[in-house]
Amino acid sequence: MRSLEQFKINLKALTEDETPLEYELDDDFFQLLESDMVQGGSLHVSGSIRKASGFFKLHLHSVGAVRIPCDRCLDLMDQPVEADLSLMVKLGSEYTEDDDLVTVAETDPVLSTAWFIYESVVLAVPIQHVHQLGGCNDAMMRMLSEHSAARSSDADAKKTDPRWDALKGLLIDD
């Protein structure tokens, strides 16, 4: 298993030129971050960091697929994602994160991009993630069908509370 060292950037070592960045994310990356939502994946991340006067501009673009549980059947599925990340980074007295501005302590001028990349990828995952039609686990779909049918027939069989029926008689018709 690899480490997250490749995602660390020493800001003081950067020149005024644009520094290209390339990463390949795989299952190991998501295991190292101990991700609950994303179980694995395969993504290509490319971009650059550029030193400007008093700050740094980081731009990264991620494209690929992540392996996440299906909302319907809970089996793992590959979800295509594409994400962009733009951050402004500056050196300061201590490490802070405010929206799109990250301040890195001058005493330890190393920016770790791993968690920022992970967050941008997770935010690109759609709210609802389900298999394509017919791709869900058949056994789970049968169970869901059985239980949802039982639940809807129970609702039809319920009678209304007689107290509400009495109150309905008080309604004034216009």
N, C-alpha and C. Protein backbone atom coordinates (compact mmCIF):
# COMPACT_ATOMS: atom_id res chain seq x y z
N MET A 1 0.84 -1.17 0.00
CA MET A 1 0.00 0.00 0.00
C MET A 1 0.89 1.24 0.00
N ARG A 2 0.52 2.19 -0.83
CA ARG A 2 1.30 3.43 -0.93
C ARG A 2 0.98 4.36 0.24
N SER A 3 1.68 5.48 0.27
CA SER A 3 1.41 6.50 1.29
C SER A 3 0.87 7.75 0.60
N LEU A 4 0.51 8.72 1.39
CA LEU A 4 -0.02 9.97 0.85
C LEU A 4 1.06 11.03 0.64
N GLU A 5 2.32 10.62 0.72
CA GLU A 5 3.44 11.56 0.57
C GLU A 5 3.44 12.27 -0.78
N GLN A 6 3.02 11.56 -1.83
CA GLN A 6 3.05 12.16 -3.17
C GLN A 6 2.09 13.35 -3.29
N PHE A 7 1.14 13.47 -2.38
CA PHE A 7 0.16 14.55 -2.42
C PHE A 7 0.59 15.78 -1.63
N LYS A 8 1.79 15.74 -1.07
CA LYS A 8 2.30 16.87 -0.29
C LYS A 8 3.16 17.77 -1.18
N ILE A 9 2.92 19.09 -1.06
CA ILE A 9 3.64 20.07 -1.86
C ILE A 9 4.37 21.02 -0.92
N ASN A 10 5.68 21.11 -1.05
CA ASN A 10 6.47 22.06 -0.26
C ASN A 10 6.36 23.42 -0.94
N LEU A 11 5.61 24.32 -0.35
CA LEU A 11 5.34 25.61 -0.97
C LEU A 11 6.59 26.48 -1.11
N LYS A 12 7.50 26.38 -0.16
CA LYS A 12 8.71 27.21 -0.23
C LYS A 12 9.66 26.75 -1.33
N ALA A 13 9.51 25.52 -1.79
CA ALA A 13 10.37 25.00 -2.84
C ALA A 13 9.87 25.35 -4.24
N LEU A 14 8.68 25.92 -4.35
CA LEU A 14 8.12 26.25 -5.66
C LEU A 14 8.77 27.49 -6.25
N THR A 15 8.87 27.50 -7.56
CA THR A 15 9.39 28.67 -8.27
C THR A 15 8.22 29.50 -8.77
N GLU A 16 8.53 30.61 -9.43
CA GLU A 16 7.49 31.50 -9.97
C GLU A 16 6.74 30.83 -11.12
N ASP A 17 7.33 29.82 -11.73
CA ASP A 17 6.69 29.13 -12.85
C ASP A 17 5.54 28.26 -12.36
N GLU A 18 4.71 27.88 -13.30
CA GLU A 18 3.61 26.96 -13.00
C GLU A 18 4.18 25.56 -12.86
N THR A 19 3.82 24.88 -11.77
CA THR A 19 4.29 23.52 -11.52
C THR A 19 3.16 22.55 -11.83
N PRO A 20 3.36 21.67 -12.84
CA PRO A 20 2.30 20.72 -13.18
C PRO A 20 2.17 19.62 -12.12
N LEU A 21 0.95 19.15 -11.93
CA LEU A 21 0.68 18.08 -10.96
C LEU A 21 -0.12 16.99 -11.65
N GLU A 22 0.25 15.73 -11.42
CA GLU A 22 -0.46 14.58 -11.98
C GLU A 22 -0.55 13.50 -10.91
N TYR A 23 -1.74 12.96 -10.71
CA TYR A 23 -1.94 11.89 -9.75
C TYR A 23 -2.85 10.83 -10.35
N GLU A 24 -2.63 9.59 -9.99
CA GLU A 24 -3.52 8.49 -10.33
C GLU A 24 -4.10 7.96 -9.02
N LEU A 25 -5.39 8.09 -8.85
CA LEU A 25 -6.05 7.62 -7.63
C LEU A 25 -6.62 6.23 -7.88
N ASP A 26 -6.40 5.34 -6.91
CA ASP A 26 -6.93 3.98 -7.01
C ASP A 26 -7.50 3.58 -5.66
N ASP A 27 -7.81 2.30 -5.51
CA ASP A 27 -8.41 1.82 -4.27
C ASP A 27 -7.54 2.13 -3.05
N ASP A 28 -6.22 2.06 -3.21
CA ASP A 28 -5.31 2.34 -2.09
C ASP A 28 -5.51 3.76 -1.54
N PHE A 29 -5.70 4.72 -2.44
CA PHE A 29 -5.90 6.11 -2.02
C PHE A 29 -7.09 6.23 -1.08
N PHE A 30 -8.22 5.62 -1.46
CA PHE A 30 -9.42 5.71 -0.64
C PHE A 30 -9.30 4.91 0.66
N GLN A 31 -8.53 3.83 0.64
CA GLN A 31 -8.28 3.07 1.87
C GLN A 31 -7.41 3.87 2.82
N LEU A 32 -6.40 4.56 2.29
CA LEU A 32 -5.53 5.37 3.14
C LEU A 32 -6.30 6.50 3.82
N LEU A 33 -7.29 7.04 3.14
CA LEU A 33 -8.09 8.11 3.73
C LEU A 33 -9.21 7.58 4.61
N GLU A 34 -9.33 6.24 4.68
CA GLU A 34 -10.36 5.58 5.49
C GLU A 34 -11.73 6.15 5.16
N SER A 35 -12.04 6.14 3.87
CA SER A 35 -13.29 6.68 3.37
C SER A 35 -14.45 5.74 3.64
N ASP A 36 -15.53 6.28 4.19
CA ASP A 36 -16.74 5.49 4.41
C ASP A 36 -17.62 5.47 3.17
N MET A 37 -17.76 6.61 2.54
CA MET A 37 -18.66 6.71 1.40
C MET A 37 -18.09 6.04 0.15
N VAL A 38 -16.85 6.34 -0.16
CA VAL A 38 -16.22 5.81 -1.38
C VAL A 38 -15.38 4.59 -1.00
N GLN A 39 -15.71 3.46 -1.60
CA GLN A 39 -15.01 2.20 -1.29
C GLN A 39 -13.78 1.99 -2.16
N GLY A 40 -13.67 2.70 -3.25
CA GLY A 40 -12.53 2.56 -4.15
C GLY A 40 -12.79 3.39 -5.39
N GLY A 41 -11.93 3.21 -6.37
CA GLY A 41 -12.14 3.94 -7.61
C GLY A 41 -10.89 4.02 -8.44
N SER A 42 -11.04 4.67 -9.57
CA SER A 42 -9.93 4.89 -10.49
C SER A 42 -10.12 6.26 -11.11
N LEU A 43 -9.26 7.20 -10.72
CA LEU A 43 -9.37 8.57 -11.21
C LEU A 43 -8.02 9.10 -11.64
N HIS A 44 -8.07 9.96 -12.64
CA HIS A 44 -6.87 10.67 -13.06
C HIS A 44 -7.04 12.13 -12.64
N VAL A 45 -6.05 12.65 -11.93
CA VAL A 45 -6.08 14.04 -11.46
C VAL A 45 -4.93 14.78 -12.12
N SER A 46 -5.25 15.89 -12.76
CA SER A 46 -4.20 16.70 -13.38
C SER A 46 -4.47 18.16 -13.05
N GLY A 47 -3.42 18.94 -13.06
CA GLY A 47 -3.56 20.36 -12.77
C GLY A 47 -2.23 21.01 -12.53
N SER A 48 -2.26 22.10 -11.79
CA SER A 48 -1.03 22.83 -11.55
C SER A 48 -1.17 23.70 -10.31
N ILE A 49 0.00 24.11 -9.83
CA ILE A 49 0.06 25.11 -8.75
C ILE A 49 1.03 26.18 -9.22
N ARG A 50 0.63 27.43 -9.02
CA ARG A 50 1.45 28.54 -9.49
C ARG A 50 1.67 29.52 -8.35
N LYS A 51 2.91 29.93 -8.21
CA LYS A 51 3.26 30.89 -7.17
C LYS A 51 3.03 32.30 -7.73
N ALA A 52 2.31 33.10 -6.97
CA ALA A 52 2.09 34.50 -7.33
C ALA A 52 2.63 35.35 -6.18
N SER A 53 2.43 36.64 -6.23
CA SER A 53 2.97 37.48 -5.18
C SER A 53 2.13 37.34 -3.91
N GLY A 54 2.68 36.65 -2.93
CA GLY A 54 2.04 36.50 -1.62
C GLY A 54 1.09 35.31 -1.49
N PHE A 55 0.83 34.59 -2.56
CA PHE A 55 -0.07 33.45 -2.47
C PHE A 55 0.21 32.46 -3.59
N PHE A 56 -0.48 31.34 -3.54
CA PHE A 56 -0.34 30.28 -4.54
C PHE A 56 -1.73 29.94 -5.08
N LYS A 57 -1.80 29.63 -6.36
CA LYS A 57 -3.06 29.22 -6.98
C LYS A 57 -2.96 27.75 -7.35
N LEU A 58 -3.88 26.96 -6.80
CA LEU A 58 -3.91 25.52 -7.07
C LEU A 58 -5.17 25.21 -7.88
N HIS A 59 -4.98 24.55 -9.02
CA HIS A 59 -6.11 24.11 -9.86
C HIS A 59 -5.92 22.64 -10.17
N LEU A 60 -6.94 21.83 -9.89
CA LEU A 60 -6.89 20.39 -10.17
C LEU A 60 -8.19 19.96 -10.83
N HIS A 61 -8.08 19.03 -11.77
CA HIS A 61 -9.24 18.46 -12.46
C HIS A 61 -9.16 16.94 -12.30
N SER A 62 -10.24 16.34 -11.78
CA SER A 62 -10.30 14.89 -11.56
C SER A 62 -11.36 14.31 -12.49
N VAL A 63 -11.03 13.17 -13.10
CA VAL A 63 -11.99 12.48 -13.95
C VAL A 63 -11.78 10.98 -13.81
N GLY A 64 -12.89 10.24 -13.74
CA GLY A 64 -12.81 8.79 -13.59
C GLY A 64 -14.08 8.26 -12.98
N ALA A 65 -13.95 7.23 -12.17
CA ALA A 65 -15.11 6.61 -11.52
C ALA A 65 -14.75 6.21 -10.10
N VAL A 66 -15.74 6.30 -9.22
CA VAL A 66 -15.58 5.85 -7.84
C VAL A 66 -16.54 4.70 -7.59
N ARG A 67 -16.17 3.83 -6.66
CA ARG A 67 -17.00 2.68 -6.31
C ARG A 67 -17.73 3.00 -5.01
N ILE A 68 -19.06 3.07 -5.12
CA ILE A 68 -19.91 3.44 -3.99
C ILE A 68 -21.09 2.47 -3.91
N PRO A 69 -21.74 2.37 -2.75
CA PRO A 69 -22.90 1.48 -2.64
C PRO A 69 -24.12 2.07 -3.36
N CYS A 70 -24.87 1.21 -4.02
CA CYS A 70 -26.11 1.59 -4.68
C CYS A 70 -27.16 1.90 -3.60
N ASP A 71 -27.93 2.95 -3.79
CA ASP A 71 -28.96 3.32 -2.82
C ASP A 71 -30.09 2.30 -2.76
N ARG A 72 -30.31 1.56 -3.82
CA ARG A 72 -31.41 0.59 -3.85
C ARG A 72 -31.02 -0.76 -3.30
N CYS A 73 -29.96 -1.35 -3.86
CA CYS A 73 -29.64 -2.74 -3.51
C CYS A 73 -28.42 -2.88 -2.61
N LEU A 74 -27.69 -1.81 -2.38
CA LEU A 74 -26.51 -1.75 -1.51
C LEU A 74 -25.28 -2.46 -2.09
N ASP A 75 -25.37 -3.03 -3.30
CA ASP A 75 -24.18 -3.58 -3.96
C ASP A 75 -23.31 -2.42 -4.43
N LEU A 76 -22.01 -2.67 -4.53
CA LEU A 76 -21.11 -1.62 -5.01
C LEU A 76 -21.34 -1.38 -6.50
N MET A 77 -21.21 -0.12 -6.90
CA MET A 77 -21.37 0.25 -8.30
C MET A 77 -20.31 1.30 -8.65
N ASP A 78 -19.98 1.37 -9.92
CA ASP A 78 -19.04 2.39 -10.39
C ASP A 78 -19.82 3.62 -10.82
N GLN A 79 -19.50 4.76 -10.20
CA GLN A 79 -20.17 6.02 -10.51
C GLN A 79 -19.17 6.94 -11.20
N PRO A 80 -19.43 7.31 -12.45
CA PRO A 80 -18.52 8.26 -13.12
C PRO A 80 -18.57 9.62 -12.43
N VAL A 81 -17.41 10.23 -12.27
CA VAL A 81 -17.35 11.57 -11.66
C VAL A 81 -16.34 12.43 -12.42
N GLU A 82 -16.58 13.71 -12.35
CA GLU A 82 -15.65 14.70 -12.88
C GLU A 82 -15.71 15.89 -11.94
N ALA A 83 -14.56 16.33 -11.45
CA ALA A 83 -14.54 17.39 -10.43
C ALA A 83 -13.41 18.37 -10.70
N ASP A 84 -13.67 19.61 -10.36
CA ASP A 84 -12.66 20.65 -10.45
C ASP A 84 -12.43 21.22 -9.06
N LEU A 85 -11.18 21.54 -8.78
CA LEU A 85 -10.79 22.09 -7.49
C LEU A 85 -9.91 23.32 -7.73
N SER A 86 -10.28 24.43 -7.13
CA SER A 86 -9.48 25.65 -7.19
C SER A 86 -9.30 26.17 -5.78
N LEU A 87 -8.07 26.36 -5.38
CA LEU A 87 -7.76 26.86 -4.04
C LEU A 87 -6.74 27.99 -4.13
N MET A 88 -6.89 28.92 -3.22
CA MET A 88 -5.86 29.94 -3.02
C MET A 88 -5.16 29.54 -1.73
N VAL A 89 -3.84 29.53 -1.76
CA VAL A 89 -3.05 29.12 -0.60
C VAL A 89 -2.07 30.23 -0.29
N LYS A 90 -1.92 30.50 1.00
CA LYS A 90 -0.93 31.50 1.41
C LYS A 90 -0.20 31.00 2.64
N LEU A 91 0.95 31.57 2.90
CA LEU A 91 1.71 31.23 4.09
C LEU A 91 1.32 32.20 5.20
N GLY A 92 1.21 31.67 6.42
CA GLY A 92 0.83 32.50 7.56
C GLY A 92 1.40 31.95 8.84
N SER A 93 0.84 32.40 9.97
CA SER A 93 1.38 31.98 11.26
C SER A 93 0.92 30.58 11.66
N GLU A 94 -0.30 30.18 11.24
CA GLU A 94 -0.80 28.84 11.57
C GLU A 94 -1.71 28.35 10.46
N TYR A 95 -1.98 27.05 10.47
CA TYR A 95 -2.80 26.42 9.45
C TYR A 95 -4.27 26.75 9.68
N THR A 96 -4.94 27.27 8.65
CA THR A 96 -6.39 27.51 8.70
C THR A 96 -6.99 27.25 7.33
N GLU A 97 -8.30 26.95 7.33
CA GLU A 97 -9.05 26.77 6.08
C GLU A 97 -10.28 27.64 6.15
N ASP A 98 -10.41 28.57 5.21
CA ASP A 98 -11.58 29.43 5.11
C ASP A 98 -12.06 29.40 3.67
N ASP A 99 -13.20 28.72 3.43
CA ASP A 99 -13.77 28.59 2.10
C ASP A 99 -12.71 28.13 1.10
N ASP A 100 -12.35 29.00 0.16
CA ASP A 100 -11.38 28.63 -0.87
C ASP A 100 -9.98 29.18 -0.57
N LEU A 101 -9.75 29.61 0.66
CA LEU A 101 -8.44 30.12 1.06
C LEU A 101 -7.88 29.25 2.17
N VAL A 102 -6.71 28.71 1.92
CA VAL A 102 -6.03 27.86 2.90
C VAL A 102 -4.75 28.58 3.32
N THR A 103 -4.55 28.70 4.62
CA THR A 103 -3.31 29.29 5.13
C THR A 103 -2.47 28.17 5.72
N VAL A 104 -1.23 28.07 5.25
CA VAL A 104 -0.30 27.05 5.71
C VAL A 104 0.76 27.73 6.57
N ALA A 105 1.09 27.12 7.70
CA ALA A 105 2.07 27.70 8.62
C ALA A 105 3.44 27.81 7.94
N GLU A 106 4.08 28.97 8.10
CA GLU A 106 5.41 29.17 7.51
C GLU A 106 6.44 28.25 8.13
N THR A 107 6.21 27.81 9.38
CA THR A 107 7.16 26.91 10.03
C THR A 107 7.10 25.50 9.43
N ASP A 108 5.96 25.14 8.82
CA ASP A 108 5.79 23.85 8.14
C ASP A 108 5.06 24.12 6.82
N PRO A 109 5.80 24.59 5.81
CA PRO A 109 5.16 25.07 4.57
C PRO A 109 4.76 23.97 3.60
N VAL A 110 4.17 22.89 4.10
CA VAL A 110 3.78 21.76 3.26
C VAL A 110 2.26 21.70 3.17
N LEU A 111 1.76 21.71 1.94
CA LEU A 111 0.32 21.60 1.69
C LEU A 111 0.02 20.17 1.25
N SER A 112 -0.86 19.50 1.97
CA SER A 112 -1.28 18.16 1.59
C SER A 112 -2.58 18.28 0.80
N THR A 113 -2.55 17.88 -0.45
CA THR A 113 -3.72 18.03 -1.33
C THR A 113 -4.65 16.82 -1.28
N ALA A 114 -4.26 15.73 -0.62
CA ALA A 114 -5.04 14.49 -0.65
C ALA A 114 -6.48 14.71 -0.19
N TRP A 115 -6.67 15.33 0.96
CA TRP A 115 -8.03 15.49 1.49
C TRP A 115 -8.85 16.46 0.63
N PHE A 116 -8.21 17.50 0.07
CA PHE A 116 -8.92 18.43 -0.81
C PHE A 116 -9.40 17.72 -2.08
N ILE A 117 -8.54 16.86 -2.63
CA ILE A 117 -8.93 16.09 -3.82
C ILE A 117 -10.09 15.18 -3.47
N TYR A 118 -9.99 14.48 -2.34
CA TYR A 118 -11.06 13.57 -1.92
C TYR A 118 -12.39 14.32 -1.77
N GLU A 119 -12.37 15.45 -1.09
CA GLU A 119 -13.60 16.21 -0.88
C GLU A 119 -14.21 16.69 -2.20
N SER A 120 -13.38 17.13 -3.15
CA SER A 120 -13.92 17.59 -4.42
C SER A 120 -14.55 16.43 -5.19
N VAL A 121 -13.96 15.25 -5.10
CA VAL A 121 -14.51 14.07 -5.78
C VAL A 121 -15.83 13.66 -5.13
N VAL A 122 -15.88 13.62 -3.81
CA VAL A 122 -17.11 13.23 -3.10
C VAL A 122 -18.24 14.22 -3.39
N LEU A 123 -17.92 15.50 -3.47
CA LEU A 123 -18.95 16.49 -3.78
C LEU A 123 -19.47 16.35 -5.21
N ALA A 124 -18.69 15.72 -6.08
CA ALA A 124 -19.13 15.52 -7.47
C ALA A 124 -20.02 14.29 -7.63
N VAL A 125 -20.10 13.45 -6.60
CA VAL A 125 -20.96 12.26 -6.66
C VAL A 125 -22.41 12.73 -6.55
N PRO A 126 -23.28 12.28 -7.46
CA PRO A 126 -24.68 12.69 -7.39
C PRO A 126 -25.33 12.28 -6.06
N ILE A 127 -26.36 13.00 -5.67
CA ILE A 127 -27.04 12.71 -4.40
C ILE A 127 -27.63 11.31 -4.43
N GLN A 128 -28.29 10.97 -5.53
CA GLN A 128 -28.86 9.63 -5.67
C GLN A 128 -27.96 8.83 -6.59
N HIS A 129 -27.51 7.67 -6.11
CA HIS A 129 -26.68 6.82 -6.95
C HIS A 129 -27.25 5.42 -6.96
N VAL A 130 -27.73 5.04 -8.14
CA VAL A 130 -28.33 3.72 -8.32
C VAL A 130 -27.79 3.10 -9.60
N HIS A 131 -27.83 1.78 -9.64
CA HIS A 131 -27.42 1.06 -10.84
C HIS A 131 -28.30 1.46 -12.03
N GLN A 132 -27.79 1.20 -13.23
CA GLN A 132 -28.61 1.35 -14.43
C GLN A 132 -29.78 0.39 -14.34
N LEU A 133 -30.83 0.63 -15.08
CA LEU A 133 -32.02 -0.21 -15.06
C LEU A 133 -31.62 -1.67 -15.28
N GLY A 134 -32.02 -2.53 -14.37
CA GLY A 134 -31.71 -3.96 -14.46
C GLY A 134 -30.36 -4.34 -13.87
N GLY A 135 -29.60 -3.38 -13.35
CA GLY A 135 -28.27 -3.67 -12.83
C GLY A 135 -28.23 -3.98 -11.34
N CYS A 136 -29.34 -3.76 -10.64
CA CYS A 136 -29.38 -4.01 -9.20
C CYS A 136 -29.42 -5.51 -8.89
N ASN A 137 -29.03 -5.85 -7.69
CA ASN A 137 -29.03 -7.22 -7.21
C ASN A 137 -30.47 -7.75 -7.22
N ASP A 138 -30.70 -8.84 -7.98
CA ASP A 138 -32.06 -9.38 -8.14
C ASP A 138 -32.68 -9.82 -6.81
N ALA A 139 -31.90 -10.47 -5.97
CA ALA A 139 -32.43 -10.95 -4.68
C ALA A 139 -32.88 -9.78 -3.82
N MET A 140 -32.09 -8.73 -3.78
CA MET A 140 -32.45 -7.55 -2.98
C MET A 140 -33.69 -6.86 -3.56
N MET A 141 -33.79 -6.78 -4.87
CA MET A 141 -34.95 -6.15 -5.49
C MET A 141 -36.23 -6.93 -5.21
N ARG A 142 -36.15 -8.28 -5.17
CA ARG A 142 -37.31 -9.09 -4.82
C ARG A 142 -37.74 -8.81 -3.37
N MET A 143 -36.77 -8.74 -2.48
CA MET A 143 -37.06 -8.44 -1.07
C MET A 143 -37.74 -7.08 -0.94
N LEU A 144 -37.18 -6.08 -1.63
CA LEU A 144 -37.77 -4.74 -1.57
C LEU A 144 -39.20 -4.75 -2.10
N SER A 145 -39.40 -5.47 -3.18
CA SER A 145 -40.72 -5.55 -3.78
C SER A 145 -41.73 -6.20 -2.83
N GLU A 146 -41.32 -7.28 -2.19
CA GLU A 146 -42.21 -7.97 -1.24
C GLU A 146 -42.58 -7.07 -0.08
N HIS A 147 -41.58 -6.40 0.49
CA HIS A 147 -41.83 -5.57 1.67
C HIS A 147 -42.58 -4.29 1.33
N SER A 148 -42.33 -3.72 0.18
CA SER A 148 -43.06 -2.49 -0.16
C SER A 148 -44.50 -2.81 -0.49
N ALA A 149 -44.79 -3.99 -1.08
CA ALA A 149 -46.17 -4.38 -1.37
C ALA A 149 -46.92 -4.62 -0.06
N ALA A 150 -46.29 -5.25 0.91
CA ALA A 150 -46.94 -5.51 2.21
C ALA A 150 -47.23 -4.20 2.92
N ARG A 151 -46.36 -3.27 2.83
CA ARG A 151 -46.53 -1.99 3.50
C ARG A 151 -47.69 -1.21 2.89
N SER A 152 -47.80 -1.20 1.57
CA SER A 152 -48.87 -0.42 0.93
C SER A 152 -50.23 -1.06 1.17
N SER A 153 -50.32 -2.40 1.25
CA SER A 153 -51.61 -3.03 1.52
C SER A 153 -52.03 -2.79 2.97
N ASP A 154 -51.07 -2.68 3.88
CA ASP A 154 -51.39 -2.37 5.27
C ASP A 154 -52.00 -0.97 5.40
N ALA A 155 -51.49 -0.03 4.62
CA ALA A 155 -51.99 1.34 4.68
C ALA A 155 -53.42 1.41 4.16
N ASP A 156 -53.74 0.62 3.15
CA ASP A 156 -55.11 0.62 2.61
C ASP A 156 -56.10 0.04 3.61
N ALA A 157 -55.64 -0.94 4.39
CA ALA A 157 -56.53 -1.63 5.32
C ALA A 157 -56.84 -0.78 6.55
N LYS A 158 -56.02 0.23 6.83
CA LYS A 158 -56.24 1.05 8.02
C LYS A 158 -57.50 1.90 7.85
N LYS A 159 -58.27 2.02 8.93
CA LYS A 159 -59.42 2.90 8.94
C LYS A 159 -59.00 4.20 9.59
N THR A 160 -59.73 5.23 9.29
CA THR A 160 -59.42 6.51 9.90
C THR A 160 -59.89 6.52 11.34
N ASP A 161 -59.25 7.33 12.14
CA ASP A 161 -59.60 7.50 13.55
C ASP A 161 -60.98 8.17 13.63
N PRO A 162 -61.94 7.62 14.38
CA PRO A 162 -63.28 8.20 14.46
C PRO A 162 -63.30 9.63 14.98
N ARG A 163 -62.31 10.01 15.76
CA ARG A 163 -62.25 11.40 16.24
C ARG A 163 -62.08 12.37 15.08
N TRP A 164 -61.28 11.97 14.08
CA TRP A 164 -61.09 12.82 12.91
C TRP A 164 -62.37 12.88 12.08
N ASP A 165 -63.08 11.76 12.03
CA ASP A 165 -64.34 11.76 11.28
C ASP A 165 -65.33 12.76 11.88
N ALA A 166 -65.38 12.82 13.21
CA ALA A 166 -66.27 13.78 13.87
C ALA A 166 -65.86 15.21 13.57
N LEU A 167 -64.55 15.46 13.52
CA LEU A 167 -64.07 16.81 13.22
C LEU A 167 -64.35 17.20 11.78
N LYS A 168 -64.35 16.22 10.87
CA LYS A 168 -64.64 16.52 9.47
C LYS A 168 -66.06 17.05 9.31
N GLY A 169 -66.97 16.63 10.20
CA GLY A 169 -68.34 17.11 10.14
C GLY A 169 -68.45 18.58 10.51
N LEU A 170 -67.43 19.14 11.15
CA LEU A 170 -67.46 20.55 11.54
C LEU A 170 -67.01 21.50 10.44
N LEU A 171 -66.47 20.94 9.37
CA LEU A 171 -66.01 21.78 8.28
C LEU A 171 -67.16 22.56 7.68
N ILE A 172 -66.92 23.82 7.39
CA ILE A 172 -67.94 24.67 6.78
C ILE A 172 -67.74 24.66 5.29
N ASP A 173 -68.78 24.26 4.58
CA ASP A 173 -68.72 24.28 3.12
C ASP A 173 -69.08 25.67 2.63
N ASP A 174 -68.33 26.16 1.68
CA ASP A 174 -68.61 27.48 1.11
C ASP A 174 -69.58 27.38 -0.02
